[in-house]
C-alpha atoms as a PDB file:
ATOM      1  CA  MET A   1      98.339 121.577 137.440  1.00  0.00           C
ATOM      2  CA  ARG A   2      96.427 118.506 138.635  1.00  0.00           C
ATOM      3  CA  VAL A   3      97.684 116.451 141.438  1.00  0.00           C
ATOM      4  CA  GLY A   4      96.560 112.946 142.245  1.00  0.00           C
ATOM      5  CA  LYS A   5      96.828 109.337 141.417  1.00  0.00           C
ATOM      6  CA  TYR A   6      96.139 108.421 137.789  1.00  0.00           C
ATOM      7  CA  GLU A   7      95.211 104.873 136.806  1.00  0.00           C
ATOM      8  CA  VAL A   8      95.299 103.596 133.299  1.00  0.00           C
ATOM      9  CA  SER A   9      92.006 101.965 132.186  1.00  0.00           C
ATOM     10  CA  GLU A  10      91.937  98.527 130.649  1.00  0.00           C
ATOM     11  CA  GLY A  11      91.151  99.870 127.127  1.00  0.00           C
ATOM     12  CA  ASN A  12      94.162 102.122 127.198  1.00  0.00           C
ATOM     13  CA  ARG A  13      96.469  99.321 128.176  1.00  0.00           C
ATOM     14  CA  SER A  14      95.467  97.232 125.255  1.00  0.00           C
ATOM     15  CA  ASN A  15      95.676 100.199 122.896  1.00  0.00           C
ATOM     16  CA  THR A  16      99.131 101.024 124.232  1.00  0.00           C
ATOM     17  CA  ALA A  17     100.235  97.370 123.838  1.00  0.00           C
ATOM     18  CA  ILE A  18      99.009  97.173 120.292  1.00  0.00           C
ATOM     19  CA  THR A  19     100.763 100.467 119.445  1.00  0.00           C
ATOM     20  CA  PHE A  20     104.065  99.348 120.816  1.00  0.00           C
ATOM     21  CA  LEU A  21     103.604  96.003 119.090  1.00  0.00           C
ATOM     22  CA  MET A  22     103.178  97.769 115.735  1.00  0.00           C
ATOM     23  CA  ILE A  23     106.154 100.077 116.386  1.00  0.00           C
ATOM     24  CA  GLY A  24     108.269  97.095 117.218  1.00  0.00           C
ATOM     25  CA  LEU A  25     107.214  95.140 114.172  1.00  0.00           C
ATOM     26  CA  GLY A  26     107.912  98.158 111.966  1.00  0.00           C
ATOM     27  CA  ALA A  27     111.314  98.676 113.466  1.00  0.00           C
ATOM     28  CA  GLY A  28     112.223  95.046 113.275  1.00  0.00           C
ATOM     29  CA  ALA A  29     111.152  94.838 109.645  1.00  0.00           C
ATOM     30  CA  LEU A  30     113.122  97.958 108.752  1.00  0.00           C
ATOM     31  CA  LEU A  31     116.277  96.625 110.467  1.00  0.00           C
ATOM     32  CA  GLY A  32     115.799  93.328 108.796  1.00  0.00           C
ATOM     33  CA  LEU A  33     115.623  94.945 105.436  1.00  0.00           C
ATOM     34  CA  LEU A  34     118.709  97.161 106.108  1.00  0.00           C
ATOM     35  CA  PHE A  35     120.831  94.115 107.006  1.00  0.00           C
ATOM     36  CA  ALA A  36     119.464  91.707 104.438  1.00  0.00           C
ATOM     37  CA  PRO A  37     121.867  90.844 101.602  1.00  0.00           C
ATOM     38  CA  LYS A  38     119.418  91.275  98.772  1.00  0.00           C
ATOM     39  CA  ALA A  39     119.345  93.277  95.600  1.00  0.00           C
ATOM     40  CA  GLY A  40     117.292  96.560  95.459  1.00  0.00           C
ATOM     41  CA  LYS A  41     114.791  95.040  93.009  1.00  0.00           C
ATOM     42  CA  GLN A  42     114.178  92.084  95.191  1.00  0.00           C
ATOM     43  CA  ILE A  43     113.896  94.304  98.392  1.00  0.00           C
ATOM     44  CA  ARG A  44     111.319  96.497  96.577  1.00  0.00           C
ATOM     45  CA  LYS A  45     109.298  93.390  95.546  1.00  0.00           C
ATOM     46  CA  ASP A  46     109.402  92.063  99.147  1.00  0.00           C
ATOM     47  CA  LEU A  47     108.351  95.457 100.444  1.00  0.00           C
ATOM     48  CA  ARG A  48     105.451  95.641  98.092  1.00  0.00           C
ATOM     49  CA  ARG A  49     104.400  92.114  99.070  1.00  0.00           C
ATOM     50  CA  LYS A  50     104.656  92.895 102.771  1.00  0.00           C
ATOM     51  CA  TYR A  51     102.802  96.162 102.243  1.00  0.00           C
ATOM     52  CA  ASP A  52     100.008  94.350 100.531  1.00  0.00           C
ATOM     53  CA  ASP A  53      99.836  91.751 103.253  1.00  0.00           C
ATOM     54  CA  ALA A  54      99.667  94.392 105.949  1.00  0.00           C
ATOM     55  CA  ARG A  55      96.966  96.296 104.049  1.00  0.00           C
ATOM     56  CA  GLU A  56      94.898  93.097 103.713  1.00  0.00           C
ATOM     57  CA  THR A  57      95.296  92.479 107.475  1.00  0.00           C
ATOM     58  CA  VAL A  58      94.167  95.988 108.319  1.00  0.00           C
ATOM     59  CA  GLU A  59      91.202  95.622 106.002  1.00  0.00           C
ATOM     60  CA  ASP A  60      90.281  92.340 107.772  1.00  0.00           C
ATOM     61  CA  TRP A  61      90.512  94.022 111.170  1.00  0.00           C
ATOM     62  CA  THR A  62      88.366  96.923 109.877  1.00  0.00           C
ATOM     63  CA  GLU A  63      85.764  94.436 108.665  1.00  0.00           C
ATOM     64  CA  ASP A  64      85.824  92.622 112.022  1.00  0.00           C
ATOM     65  CA  ALA A  65      85.488  95.984 113.908  1.00  0.00           C
ATOM     66  CA  ARG A  66      82.645  97.020 111.575  1.00  0.00           C
ATOM     67  CA  ASP A  67      80.851  93.727 112.118  1.00  0.00           C
ATOM     68  CA  ALA A  68      81.361  93.998 115.918  1.00  0.00           C
ATOM     69  CA  ALA A  69      80.008  97.567 115.936  1.00  0.00           C
ATOM     70  CA  GLU A  70      76.913  96.605 113.928  1.00  0.00           C
ATOM     71  CA  GLU A  71      76.256  93.723 116.321  1.00  0.00           C
ATOM     72  CA  VAL A  72      76.521  96.096 119.374  1.00  0.00           C
ATOM     73  CA  LEU A  73      74.196  98.540 117.674  1.00  0.00           C
ATOM     74  CA  GLU A  74      71.726  95.770 116.857  1.00  0.00           C
ATOM     75  CA  ARG A  75      71.817  94.541 120.464  1.00  0.00           C
ATOM     76  CA  GLY A  76      71.404  98.105 121.675  1.00  0.00           C
ATOM     77  CA  ALA A  77      68.254  98.576 119.481  1.00  0.00           C
ATOM     78  CA  GLU A  78      66.832  95.227 120.705  1.00  0.00           C
ATOM     79  CA  PHE A  79      67.508  96.227 124.282  1.00  0.00           C
ATOM     80  CA  ALA A  80      65.853  99.671 123.825  1.00  0.00           C
ATOM     81  CA  GLU A  81      62.840  98.056 122.122  1.00  0.00           C
ATOM     82  CA  ASP A  82      62.541  95.598 125.030  1.00  0.00           C
ATOM     83  CA  VAL A  83      62.736  98.356 127.635  1.00  0.00           C
ATOM     84  CA  ARG A  84      60.159 100.396 125.607  1.00  0.00           C
ATOM     85  CA  ASP A  85      57.826  97.383 125.499  1.00  0.00           C
ATOM     86  CA  ARG A  86      58.061  96.962 129.306  1.00  0.00           C
ATOM     87  CA  VAL A  87      57.804 100.569 130.268  1.00  0.00           C
ATOM     88  CA  SER A  88      54.945 101.446 127.849  1.00  0.00           C
ATOM     89  CA  PRO A  89      52.177  99.897 129.942  1.00  0.00           C
ATOM     90  CA  LEU A  90      53.450 101.571 133.061  1.00  0.00           C
ATOM     91  CA  ALA A  91      53.513 104.957 131.217  1.00  0.00           C
ATOM     92  CA  LYS A  92      49.939 104.442 130.113  1.00  0.00           C
ATOM     93  CA  ASN A  93      48.827 103.712 133.649  1.00  0.00           C
ATOM     94  CA  LEU A  94      50.511 106.810 134.994  1.00  0.00           C
ATOM     95  CA  ARG A  95      48.936 108.968 132.253  1.00  0.00           C
ATOM     96  CA  ARG A  96      45.471 107.704 133.242  1.00  0.00           C
ATOM     97  CA  ARG A  97      45.864 108.807 136.793  1.00  0.00           C
END
């Protein structure tokens, strides 16, 4: 068993917060549906609409995350190329000696 002081990193805090937010939203929506005075057909229609909205939101987040990842990869490639260009002359000089 490990003993020591554990600290939560910043990334885990935001992930945990988002997880609890989603759980709270889901629970609130479910309670709202249970106590809403609507007919079954209308509730199913509302559920379908909310499901479609949530799916669109997740798709938008996925697109944003994909764009951000592509940008990071592009920046990384540019950085690696820049470092390669700077180190190449030094490597050539070292090989000559």
